Amino acid sequence: MKANKLYTIVTENDRQAGSTRAEPSEYFLNLPPQDAIAELNTHIGSLEGKLGNYANVDLKVRENLEKARAVSFELEVANDLLRRFKKDL
Protein backbone atom coordinates (compact mmCIF):
# COMPACT_ATOMS: atom_id res chain seq x y z
CA MET A 1 0.00 0.00 0.00
CA LYS A 2 1.42 3.38 -1.01
CA ALA A 3 0.02 6.63 0.37
CA ASN A 4 0.26 10.34 -0.31
CA LYS A 5 -1.96 13.21 0.85
CA LEU A 6 -4.49 12.75 -1.99
CA TYR A 7 -4.97 8.98 -2.10
CA THR A 8 -3.75 5.58 -1.01
CA ILE A 9 -3.01 2.84 -3.53
CA VAL A 10 -4.67 -0.39 -2.42
CA THR A 11 -4.59 -3.86 -3.93
CA GLU A 12 -7.44 -6.28 -3.60
CA ASN A 13 -7.10 -9.93 -4.48
CA ASP A 14 -10.07 -11.66 -6.00
CA ARG A 15 -10.41 -15.17 -7.39
CA GLN A 16 -9.19 -14.32 -10.89
CA ALA A 17 -6.56 -11.63 -10.36
CA GLY A 18 -5.62 -8.77 -8.09
CA SER A 19 -7.04 -5.34 -8.75
CA THR A 20 -5.37 -2.09 -7.80
CA ARG A 21 -6.96 1.30 -7.35
CA ALA A 22 -6.54 4.59 -5.55
CA GLU A 23 -8.73 5.27 -2.55
CA PRO A 24 -9.20 9.02 -2.00
CA SER A 25 -7.94 10.35 1.32
CA GLU A 26 -10.06 12.29 3.81
CA TYR A 27 -8.09 15.38 2.81
CA PHE A 28 -9.03 14.87 -0.85
CA LEU A 29 -12.68 14.17 -0.07
CA ASN A 30 -12.97 17.28 2.10
CA LEU A 31 -11.73 19.60 -0.66
CA PRO A 32 -14.24 21.42 -2.85
CA PRO A 33 -14.54 19.38 -6.08
CA GLN A 34 -12.73 21.90 -8.27
CA ASP A 35 -9.85 22.16 -5.77
CA ALA A 36 -9.63 18.37 -5.54
CA ILE A 37 -9.44 18.11 -9.33
CA ALA A 38 -6.82 20.87 -9.49
CA GLU A 39 -4.63 19.23 -6.84
CA LEU A 40 -4.92 15.83 -8.49
CA ASN A 41 -4.08 17.36 -11.89
CA THR A 42 -0.99 19.00 -10.34
CA HIS A 43 0.06 15.66 -8.85
CA ILE A 44 -0.48 13.93 -12.20
CA GLY A 45 1.63 16.60 -13.90
CA SER A 46 4.39 15.94 -11.38
CA LEU A 47 4.26 12.22 -12.10
CA GLU A 48 4.39 12.91 -15.86
CA GLY A 49 7.48 15.04 -15.27
CA LYS A 50 9.13 12.27 -13.25
CA LEU A 51 8.31 9.76 -15.96
CA GLY A 52 9.74 12.11 -18.59
CA ASN A 53 13.03 12.12 -16.70
CA TYR A 54 13.41 8.45 -17.56
CA ALA A 55 13.50 9.25 -21.29
CA ASN A 56 17.20 10.06 -20.91
CA VAL A 57 18.07 7.16 -18.62
CA ASP A 58 19.38 3.74 -19.59
CA LEU A 59 16.37 1.50 -18.99
CA LYS A 60 18.49 -1.59 -19.54
CA VAL A 61 19.63 -0.98 -15.97
CA ARG A 62 17.16 -2.94 -13.86
CA GLU A 63 16.91 -0.34 -11.09
CA ASN A 64 16.09 2.44 -13.59
CA LEU A 65 13.47 0.30 -15.31
CA GLU A 66 11.82 -0.61 -11.99
CA LYS A 67 11.66 3.05 -10.93
CA ALA A 68 10.19 4.07 -14.31
CA ARG A 69 7.59 1.30 -14.05
CA ALA A 70 6.63 2.40 -10.54
CA VAL A 71 6.10 6.00 -11.67
CA SER A 72 4.15 4.84 -14.72
CA PHE A 73 1.96 2.62 -12.55
CA GLU A 74 1.21 5.41 -10.08
CA LEU A 75 0.43 7.75 -12.97
CA GLU A 76 -2.07 5.25 -14.36
CA VAL A 77 -3.73 4.80 -10.96
CA ALA A 78 -3.92 8.58 -10.35
CA ASN A 79 -5.48 9.13 -13.78
CA ASP A 80 -8.03 6.42 -13.01
CA LEU A 81 -8.94 8.15 -9.74
CA LEU A 82 -9.38 11.44 -11.61
CA ARG A 83 -11.68 9.81 -14.18
CA ARG A 84 -13.77 8.11 -11.49
CA PHE A 85 -14.00 11.30 -9.43
CA LYS A 86 -15.13 13.38 -12.42
CA LYS A 87 -17.66 10.71 -13.40
CA ASP A 88 -19.15 10.70 -9.90
CA LEU A 89 -19.60 14.48 -9.87
PDB file of N, CA and C in Angstrom:
ATOM      1  N   MET A   1       0.850  -1.166   0.000  1.00  0.00           N
ATOM      2  CA  MET A   1       0.000   0.000   0.000  1.00  0.00           C
ATOM      3  C   MET A   1       0.902   1.238   0.000  1.00  0.00           C
ATOM      4  N   LYS A   2       0.645   2.166  -0.917  1.00  0.00           N
ATOM      5  CA  LYS A   2       1.419   3.384  -1.010  1.00  0.00           C
ATOM      6  C   LYS A   2       0.490   4.561  -0.800  1.00  0.00           C
ATOM      7  N   ALA A   3       0.905   5.521   0.032  1.00  0.00           N
ATOM      8  CA  ALA A   3       0.018   6.627   0.367  1.00  0.00           C
ATOM      9  C   ALA A   3       0.670   7.968   0.055  1.00  0.00           C
ATOM     10  N   ASN A   4      -0.144   8.948  -0.248  1.00  0.00           N
ATOM     11  CA  ASN A   4       0.256  10.337  -0.314  1.00  0.00           C
ATOM     12  C   ASN A   4      -0.912  11.133   0.255  1.00  0.00           C
ATOM     13  N   LYS A   5      -0.884  12.451   0.197  1.00  0.00           N
ATOM     14  CA  LYS A   5      -1.955  13.206   0.846  1.00  0.00           C
ATOM     15  C   LYS A   5      -3.281  13.168   0.077  1.00  0.00           C
ATOM     16  N   LEU A   6      -3.269  12.773  -1.189  1.00  0.00           N
ATOM     17  CA  LEU A   6      -4.486  12.752  -1.990  1.00  0.00           C
ATOM     18  C   LEU A   6      -5.166  11.388  -2.028  1.00  0.00           C
ATOM     19  N   TYR A   7      -4.398  10.316  -1.982  1.00  0.00           N
ATOM     20  CA  TYR A   7      -4.970   8.978  -2.101  1.00  0.00           C
ATOM     21  C   TYR A   7      -4.005   7.940  -1.556  1.00  0.00           C
ATOM     22  N   THR A   8      -4.537   6.741  -1.377  1.00  0.00           N
ATOM     23  CA  THR A   8      -3.746   5.578  -1.006  1.00  0.00           C
ATOM     24  C   THR A   8      -3.968   4.525  -2.088  1.00  0.00           C
ATOM     25  N   ILE A   9      -2.895   3.912  -2.546  1.00  0.00           N
ATOM     26  CA  ILE A   9      -3.007   2.841  -3.531  1.00  0.00           C
ATOM     27  C   ILE A   9      -3.230   1.544  -2.769  1.00  0.00           C
ATOM     28  N   VAL A  10      -4.331   0.870  -3.092  1.00  0.00           N
ATOM     29  CA  VAL A  10      -4.666  -0.387  -2.423  1.00  0.00           C
ATOM     30  C   VAL A  10      -4.802  -1.484  -3.473  1.00  0.00           C
ATOM     31  N   THR A  11      -4.473  -2.685  -3.061  1.00  0.00           N
ATOM     32  CA  THR A  11      -4.590  -3.855  -3.926  1.00  0.00           C
ATOM     33  C   THR A  11      -5.552  -4.819  -3.281  1.00  0.00           C
ATOM     34  N   GLU A  12      -6.488  -5.276  -4.071  1.00  0.00           N
ATOM     35  CA  GLU A  12      -7.436  -6.278  -3.596  1.00  0.00           C
ATOM     36  C   GLU A  12      -7.257  -7.528  -4.426  1.00  0.00           C
ATOM     37  N   ASN A  13      -7.211  -8.648  -3.771  1.00  0.00           N
ATOM     38  CA  ASN A  13      -7.105  -9.927  -4.480  1.00  0.00           C
ATOM     39  C   ASN A  13      -8.490 -10.537  -4.603  1.00  0.00           C
ATOM     40  N   ASP A  14      -8.834 -10.918  -5.802  1.00  0.00           N
ATOM     41  CA  ASP A  14     -10.072 -11.659  -5.997  1.00  0.00           C
ATOM     42  C   ASP A  14      -9.711 -13.034  -6.555  1.00  0.00           C
ATOM     43  N   ARG A  15     -10.681 -13.796  -6.941  1.00  0.00           N
ATOM     44  CA  ARG A  15     -10.407 -15.169  -7.389  1.00  0.00           C
ATOM     45  C   ARG A  15      -9.601 -15.217  -8.684  1.00  0.00           C
ATOM     46  N   GLN A  16      -9.852 -14.302  -9.582  1.00  0.00           N
ATOM     47  CA  GLN A  16      -9.193 -14.315 -10.889  1.00  0.00           C
ATOM     48  C   GLN A  16      -7.821 -13.646 -10.838  1.00  0.00           C
ATOM     49  N   ALA A  17      -7.802 -12.390 -10.388  1.00  0.00           N
ATOM     50  CA  ALA A  17      -6.556 -11.629 -10.363  1.00  0.00           C
ATOM     51  C   ALA A  17      -6.702 -10.478  -9.381  1.00  0.00           C
ATOM     52  N   GLY A  18      -5.591  -9.909  -8.990  1.00  0.00           N
ATOM     53  CA  GLY A  18      -5.623  -8.766  -8.092  1.00  0.00           C
ATOM     54  C   GLY A  18      -6.018  -7.507  -8.831  1.00  0.00           C
ATOM     55  N   SER A  19      -6.698  -6.617  -8.146  1.00  0.00           N
ATOM     56  CA  SER A  19      -7.038  -5.339  -8.747  1.00  0.00           C
ATOM     57  C   SER A  19      -6.459  -4.236  -7.870  1.00  0.00           C
ATOM     58  N   THR A  20      -5.999  -3.189  -8.500  1.00  0.00           N
ATOM     59  CA  THR A  20      -5.373  -2.087  -7.800  1.00  0.00           C
ATOM     60  C   THR A  20      -6.115  -0.812  -8.138  1.00  0.00           C
ATOM     61  N   ARG A  21      -6.290   0.024  -7.127  1.00  0.00           N
ATOM     62  CA  ARG A  21      -6.959   1.300  -7.351  1.00  0.00           C
ATOM     63  C   ARG A  21      -6.497   2.288  -6.296  1.00  0.00           C
ATOM     64  N   ALA A  22      -6.835   3.540  -6.515  1.00  0.00           N
ATOM     65  CA  ALA A  22      -6.541   4.590  -5.551  1.00  0.00           C
ATOM     66  C   ALA A  22      -7.800   4.876  -4.743  1.00  0.00           C
ATOM     67  N   GLU A  23      -7.645   4.880  -3.439  1.00  0.00           N
ATOM     68  CA  GLU A  23      -8.733   5.270  -2.549  1.00  0.00           C
ATOM     69  C   GLU A  23      -8.471   6.702  -2.125  1.00  0.00           C
ATOM     70  N   PRO A  24      -9.416   7.615  -2.375  1.00  0.00           N
ATOM     71  CA  PRO A  24      -9.197   9.017  -2.002  1.00  0.00           C
ATOM     72  C   PRO A  24      -9.037   9.168  -0.492  1.00  0.00           C
ATOM     73  N   SER A  25      -8.180  10.085  -0.100  1.00  0.00           N
ATOM     74  CA  SER A  25      -7.944  10.353   1.320  1.00  0.00           C
ATOM     75  C   SER A  25      -9.048  11.259   1.869  1.00  0.00           C
ATOM     76  N   GLU A  26      -9.110  11.367   3.175  1.00  0.00           N
ATOM     77  CA  GLU A  26     -10.060  12.287   3.813  1.00  0.00           C
ATOM     78  C   GLU A  26      -9.768  13.714   3.360  1.00  0.00           C
ATOM     79  N   TYR A  27      -8.479  14.047   3.273  1.00  0.00           N
ATOM     80  CA  TYR A  27      -8.088  15.380   2.812  1.00  0.00           C
ATOM     81  C   TYR A  27      -8.691  15.660   1.433  1.00  0.00           C
ATOM     82  N   PHE A  28      -8.518  14.718   0.512  1.00  0.00           N
ATOM     83  CA  PHE A  28      -9.026  14.874  -0.850  1.00  0.00           C
ATOM     84  C   PHE A  28     -10.551  15.014  -0.848  1.00  0.00           C
ATOM     85  N   LEU A  29     -11.221  14.159  -0.097  1.00  0.00           N
ATOM     86  CA  LEU A  29     -12.683  14.166  -0.070  1.00  0.00           C
ATOM     87  C   LEU A  29     -13.264  15.425   0.570  1.00  0.00           C
ATOM     88  N   ASN A  30     -12.491  16.065   1.431  1.00  0.00           N
ATOM     89  CA  ASN A  30     -12.973  17.282   2.095  1.00  0.00           C
ATOM     90  C   ASN A  30     -12.708  18.549   1.290  1.00  0.00           C
ATOM     91  N   LEU A  31     -11.974  18.439   0.194  1.00  0.00           N
ATOM     92  CA  LEU A  31     -11.732  19.597  -0.662  1.00  0.00           C
ATOM     93  C   LEU A  31     -12.970  19.875  -1.511  1.00  0.00           C
ATOM     94  N   PRO A  32     -13.204  21.151  -1.846  1.00  0.00           N
ATOM     95  CA  PRO A  32     -14.244  21.423  -2.847  1.00  0.00           C
ATOM     96  C   PRO A  32     -13.865  20.695  -4.141  1.00  0.00           C
ATOM     97  N   PRO A  33     -14.849  20.195  -4.890  1.00  0.00           N
ATOM     98  CA  PRO A  33     -14.542  19.382  -6.081  1.00  0.00           C
ATOM     99  C   PRO A  33     -13.529  20.004  -7.037  1.00  0.00           C
ATOM    100  N   GLN A  34     -13.661  21.277  -7.323  1.00  0.00           N
ATOM    101  CA  GLN A  34     -12.729  21.898  -8.272  1.00  0.00           C
ATOM    102  C   GLN A  34     -11.307  21.949  -7.713  1.00  0.00           C
ATOM    103  N   ASP A  35     -11.180  22.163  -6.399  1.00  0.00           N
ATOM    104  CA  ASP A  35      -9.852  22.162  -5.772  1.00  0.00           C
ATOM    105  C   ASP A  35      -9.256  20.754  -5.771  1.00  0.00           C
ATOM    106  N   ALA A  36     -10.092  19.758  -5.524  1.00  0.00           N
ATOM    107  CA  ALA A  36      -9.626  18.368  -5.537  1.00  0.00           C
ATOM    108  C   ALA A  36      -9.107  18.006  -6.930  1.00  0.00           C
ATOM    109  N   ILE A  37      -9.852  18.387  -7.950  1.00  0.00           N
ATOM    110  CA  ILE A  37      -9.440  18.112  -9.334  1.00  0.00           C
ATOM    111  C   ILE A  37      -8.141  18.843  -9.650  1.00  0.00           C
ATOM    112  N   ALA A  38      -8.038  20.091  -9.228  1.00  0.00           N
ATOM    113  CA  ALA A  38      -6.824  20.869  -9.493  1.00  0.00           C
ATOM    114  C   ALA A  38      -5.609  20.246  -8.806  1.00  0.00           C
ATOM    115  N   GLU A  39      -5.765  19.839  -7.550  1.00  0.00           N
ATOM    116  CA  GLU A  39      -4.633  19.227  -6.838  1.00  0.00           C
ATOM    117  C   GLU A  39      -4.234  17.902  -7.468  1.00  0.00           C
ATOM    118  N   LEU A  40      -5.218  17.112  -7.867  1.00  0.00           N
ATOM    119  CA  LEU A  40      -4.916  15.833  -8.494  1.00  0.00           C
ATOM    120  C   LEU A  40      -4.260  16.046  -9.855  1.00  0.00           C
ATOM    121  N   ASN A  41      -4.711  17.035 -10.605  1.00  0.00           N
ATOM    122  CA  ASN A  41      -4.075  17.358 -11.889  1.00  0.00           C
ATOM    123  C   ASN A  41      -2.629  17.795 -11.688  1.00  0.00           C
ATOM    124  N   THR A  42      -2.361  18.574 -10.644  1.00  0.00           N
ATOM    125  CA  THR A  42      -0.991  18.998 -10.341  1.00  0.00           C
ATOM    126  C   THR A  42      -0.125  17.792 -10.009  1.00  0.00           C
ATOM    127  N   HIS A  43      -0.670  16.880  -9.213  1.00  0.00           N
ATOM    128  CA  HIS A  43       0.057  15.656  -8.853  1.00  0.00           C
ATOM    129  C   HIS A  43       0.337  14.816 -10.101  1.00  0.00           C
ATOM    130  N   ILE A  44      -0.654  14.686 -10.963  1.00  0.00           N
ATOM    131  CA  ILE A  44      -0.482  13.926 -12.204  1.00  0.00           C
ATOM    132  C   ILE A  44       0.596  14.578 -13.065  1.00  0.00           C
ATOM    133  N   GLY A  45       0.591  15.893 -13.145  1.00  0.00           N
ATOM    134  CA  GLY A  45       1.635  16.595 -13.898  1.00  0.00           C
ATOM    135  C   GLY A  45       3.022  16.325 -13.337  1.00  0.00           C
ATOM    136  N   SER A  46       3.117  16.256 -12.024  1.00  0.00           N
ATOM    137  CA  SER A  46       4.391  15.943 -11.381  1.00  0.00           C
ATOM    138  C   SER A  46       4.853  14.533 -11.740  1.00  0.00           C
ATOM    139  N   LEU A  47       3.918  13.593 -11.719  1.00  0.00           N
ATOM    140  CA  LEU A  47       4.261  12.218 -12.102  1.00  0.00           C
ATOM    141  C   LEU A  47       4.686  12.140 -13.564  1.00  0.00           C
ATOM    142  N   GLU A  48       4.007  12.890 -14.435  1.00  0.00           N
ATOM    143  CA  GLU A  48       4.387  12.912 -15.855  1.00  0.00           C
ATOM    144  C   GLU A  48       5.798  13.467 -16.015  1.00  0.00           C
ATOM    145  N   GLY A  49       6.127  14.493 -15.235  1.00  0.00           N
ATOM    146  CA  GLY A  49       7.478  15.042 -15.270  1.00  0.00           C
ATOM    147  C   GLY A  49       8.519  14.033 -14.820  1.00  0.00           C
ATOM    148  N   LYS A  50       8.209  13.306 -13.733  1.00  0.00           N
ATOM    149  CA  LYS A  50       9.128  12.271 -13.249  1.00  0.00           C
ATOM    150  C   LYS A  50       9.317  11.190 -14.302  1.00  0.00           C
ATOM    151  N   LEU A  51       8.215  10.791 -14.934  1.00  0.00           N
ATOM    152  CA  LEU A  51       8.309   9.761 -15.961  1.00  0.00           C
ATOM    153  C   LEU A  51       9.129  10.258 -17.146  1.00  0.00           C
ATOM    154  N   GLY A  52       8.963  11.519 -17.496  1.00  0.00           N
ATOM    155  CA  GLY A  52       9.735  12.109 -18.590  1.00  0.00           C
ATOM    156  C   GLY A  52      11.226  12.100 -18.323  1.00  0.00           C
ATOM    157  N   ASN A  53      11.611  12.167 -17.057  1.00  0.00           N
ATOM    158  CA  ASN A  53      13.033  12.123 -16.704  1.00  0.00           C
ATOM    159  C   ASN A  53      13.680  10.803 -17.100  1.00  0.00           C
ATOM    160  N   TYR A  54      12.870   9.759 -17.204  1.00  0.00           N
ATOM    161  CA  TYR A  54      13.411   8.455 -17.563  1.00  0.00           C
ATOM    162  C   TYR A  54      13.640   8.312 -19.064  1.00  0.00           C
ATOM    163  N   ALA A  55      13.260   9.296 -19.840  1.00  0.00           N
ATOM    164  CA  ALA A  55      13.504   9.249 -21.293  1.00  0.00           C
ATOM    165  C   ALA A  55      14.993   9.303 -21.592  1.00  0.00           C
ATOM    166  N   ASN A  56      15.761   9.901 -20.694  1.00  0.00           N
ATOM    167  CA  ASN A  56      17.200  10.057 -20.913  1.00  0.00           C
ATOM    168  C   ASN A  56      18.026   9.122 -20.040  1.00  0.00           C
ATOM    169  N   VAL A  57      17.396   8.084 -19.516  1.00  0.00           N
ATOM    170  CA  VAL A  57      18.072   7.158 -18.616  1.00  0.00           C
ATOM    171  C   VAL A  57      18.144   5.789 -19.296  1.00  0.00           C
ATOM    172  N   ASP A  58      19.216   5.082 -19.034  1.00  0.00           N
ATOM    173  CA  ASP A  58      19.379   3.743 -19.594  1.00  0.00           C
ATOM    174  C   ASP A  58      18.429   2.777 -18.886  1.00  0.00           C
ATOM    175  N   LEU A  59      17.360   2.385 -19.577  1.00  0.00           N
ATOM    176  CA  LEU A  59      16.367   1.496 -18.989  1.00  0.00           C
ATOM    177  C   LEU A  59      16.785   0.029 -19.039  1.00  0.00           C
ATOM    178  N   LYS A  60      17.959  -0.233 -19.598  1.00  0.00           N
ATOM    179  CA  LYS A  60      18.492  -1.590 -19.535  1.00  0.00           C
ATOM    180  C   LYS A  60      19.028  -1.889 -18.133  1.00  0.00           C
ATOM    181  N   VAL A  61      19.230  -0.821 -17.366  1.00  0.00           N
ATOM    182  CA  VAL A  61      19.634  -0.979 -15.970  1.00  0.00           C
ATOM    183  C   VAL A  61      18.372  -1.290 -15.180  1.00  0.00           C
ATOM    184  N   ARG A  62      18.365  -2.443 -14.536  1.00  0.00           N
ATOM    185  CA  ARG A  62      17.155  -2.941 -13.865  1.00  0.00           C
ATOM    186  C   ARG A  62      16.566  -1.934 -12.881  1.00  0.00           C
ATOM    187  N   GLU A  63      17.383  -1.305 -12.086  1.00  0.00           N
ATOM    188  CA  GLU A  63      16.910  -0.335 -11.093  1.00  0.00           C
ATOM    189  C   GLU A  63      16.180   0.828 -11.768  1.00  0.00           C
ATOM    190  N   ASN A  64      16.730   1.338 -12.856  1.00  0.00           N
ATOM    191  CA  ASN A  64      16.093   2.437 -13.590  1.00  0.00           C
ATOM    192  C   ASN A  64      14.747   2.003 -14.165  1.00  0.00           C
ATOM    193  N   LEU A  65      14.714   0.811 -14.730  1.00  0.00           N
ATOM    194  CA  LEU A  65      13.473   0.298 -15.308  1.00  0.00           C
ATOM    195  C   LEU A  65      12.405   0.123 -14.232  1.00  0.00           C
ATOM    196  N   GLU A  66      12.781  -0.409 -13.079  1.00  0.00           N
ATOM    197  CA  GLU A  66      11.823  -0.606 -11.992  1.00  0.00           C
ATOM    198  C   GLU A  66      11.261   0.731 -11.489  1.00  0.00           C
ATOM    199  N   LYS A  67      12.117   1.730 -11.379  1.00  0.00           N
ATOM    200  CA  LYS A  67      11.656   3.050 -10.935  1.00  0.00           C
ATOM    201  C   LYS A  67      10.713   3.665 -11.968  1.00  0.00           C
ATOM    202  N   ALA A  68      11.055   3.531 -13.241  1.00  0.00           N
ATOM    203  CA  ALA A  68      10.192   4.073 -14.305  1.00  0.00           C
ATOM    204  C   ALA A  68       8.842   3.363 -14.305  1.00  0.00           C
ATOM    205  N   ARG A  69       8.839   2.064 -14.112  1.00  0.00           N
ATOM    206  CA  ARG A  69       7.586   1.303 -14.055  1.00  0.00           C
ATOM    207  C   ARG A  69       6.735   1.740 -12.865  1.00  0.00           C
ATOM    208  N   ALA A  70       7.367   1.981 -11.733  1.00  0.00           N
ATOM    209  CA  ALA A  70       6.633   2.404 -10.538  1.00  0.00           C
ATOM    210  C   ALA A  70       5.959   3.755 -10.762  1.00  0.00           C
ATOM    211  N   VAL A  71       6.670   4.680 -11.383  1.00  0.00           N
ATOM    212  CA  VAL A  71       6.095   5.999 -11.669  1.00  0.00           C
ATOM    213  C   VAL A  71       4.965   5.858 -12.692  1.00  0.00           C
ATOM    214  N   SER A  72       5.180   5.054 -13.709  1.00  0.00           N
ATOM    215  CA  SER A  72       4.155   4.836 -14.723  1.00  0.00           C
ATOM    216  C   SER A  72       2.899   4.221 -14.108  1.00  0.00           C
ATOM    217  N   PHE A  73       3.084   3.264 -13.221  1.00  0.00           N
ATOM    218  CA  PHE A  73       1.962   2.619 -12.547  1.00  0.00           C
ATOM    219  C   PHE A  73       1.188   3.625 -11.702  1.00  0.00           C
ATOM    220  N   GLU A  74       1.896   4.426 -10.923  1.00  0.00           N
ATOM    221  CA  GLU A  74       1.213   5.407 -10.081  1.00  0.00           C
ATOM    222  C   GLU A  74       0.482   6.438 -10.937  1.00  0.00           C
ATOM    223  N   LEU A  75       1.071   6.816 -12.053  1.00  0.00           N
ATOM    224  CA  LEU A  75       0.429   7.747 -12.969  1.00  0.00           C
ATOM    225  C   LEU A  75      -0.882   7.166 -13.496  1.00  0.00           C
ATOM    226  N   GLU A  76      -0.863   5.911 -13.864  1.00  0.00           N
ATOM    227  CA  GLU A  76      -2.072   5.250 -14.362  1.00  0.00           C
ATOM    228  C   GLU A  76      -3.159   5.206 -13.285  1.00  0.00           C
ATOM    229  N   VAL A  77      -2.773   4.885 -12.064  1.00  0.00           N
ATOM    230  CA  VAL A  77      -3.731   4.799 -10.957  1.00  0.00           C
ATOM    231  C   VAL A  77      -4.300   6.182 -10.630  1.00  0.00           C
ATOM    232  N   ALA A  78      -3.454   7.214 -10.631  1.00  0.00           N
ATOM    233  CA  ALA A  78      -3.919   8.580 -10.354  1.00  0.00           C
ATOM    234  C   ALA A  78      -4.882   9.054 -11.445  1.00  0.00           C
ATOM    235  N   ASN A  79      -4.572   8.758 -12.691  1.00  0.00           N
ATOM    236  CA  ASN A  79      -5.479   9.126 -13.785  1.00  0.00           C
ATOM    237  C   ASN A  79      -6.823   8.417 -13.659  1.00  0.00           C
ATOM    238  N   ASP A  80      -6.788   7.156 -13.222  1.00  0.00           N
ATOM    239  CA  ASP A  80      -8.027   6.416 -13.015  1.00  0.00           C
ATOM    240  C   ASP A  80      -8.868   7.067 -11.910  1.00  0.00           C
ATOM    241  N   LEU A  81      -8.227   7.477 -10.824  1.00  0.00           N
ATOM    242  CA  LEU A  81      -8.944   8.153  -9.743  1.00  0.00           C
ATOM    243  C   LEU A  81      -9.578   9.441 -10.260  1.00  0.00           C
ATOM    244  N   LEU A  82      -8.849  10.194 -11.058  1.00  0.00           N
ATOM    245  CA  LEU A  82      -9.384  11.440 -11.607  1.00  0.00           C
ATOM    246  C   LEU A  82     -10.606  11.166 -12.480  1.00  0.00           C
ATOM    247  N   ARG A  83     -10.521  10.158 -13.333  1.00  0.00           N
ATOM    248  CA  ARG A  83     -11.677   9.806 -14.184  1.00  0.00           C
ATOM    249  C   ARG A  83     -12.886   9.402 -13.338  1.00  0.00           C
ATOM    250  N   ARG A  84     -12.657   8.558 -12.346  1.00  0.00           N
ATOM    251  CA  ARG A  84     -13.773   8.106 -11.488  1.00  0.00           C
ATOM    252  C   ARG A  84     -14.366   9.271 -10.712  1.00  0.00           C
ATOM    253  N   PHE A  85     -13.526  10.155 -10.213  1.00  0.00           N
ATOM    254  CA  PHE A  85     -13.996  11.300  -9.433  1.00  0.00           C
ATOM    255  C   PHE A  85     -14.851  12.225 -10.309  1.00  0.00           C
ATOM    256  N   LYS A  86     -14.366  12.509 -11.508  1.00  0.00           N
ATOM    257  CA  LYS A  86     -15.132  13.380 -12.420  1.00  0.00           C
ATOM    258  C   LYS A  86     -16.455  12.724 -12.810  1.00  0.00           C
ATOM    259  N   LYS A  87     -16.436  11.432 -13.032  1.00  0.00           N
ATOM    260  CA  LYS A  87     -17.662  10.711 -13.403  1.00  0.00           C
ATOM    261  C   LYS A  87     -18.695  10.782 -12.292  1.00  0.00           C
ATOM    262  N   ASP A  88     -18.248  10.688 -11.050  1.00  0.00           N
ATOM    263  CA  ASP A  88     -19.147  10.696  -9.899  1.00  0.00           C
ATOM    264  C   ASP A  88     -19.704  12.080  -9.585  1.00  0.00           C
ATOM    265  N   LEU A  89     -19.111  13.116 -10.146  1.00  0.00           N
ATOM    266  CA  LEU A  89     -19.602  14.480  -9.866  1.00  0.00           C
ATOM    267  C   LEU A  89     -20.940  14.701 -10.458  1.00  0.00           C
TER     268      LEU A  89
END
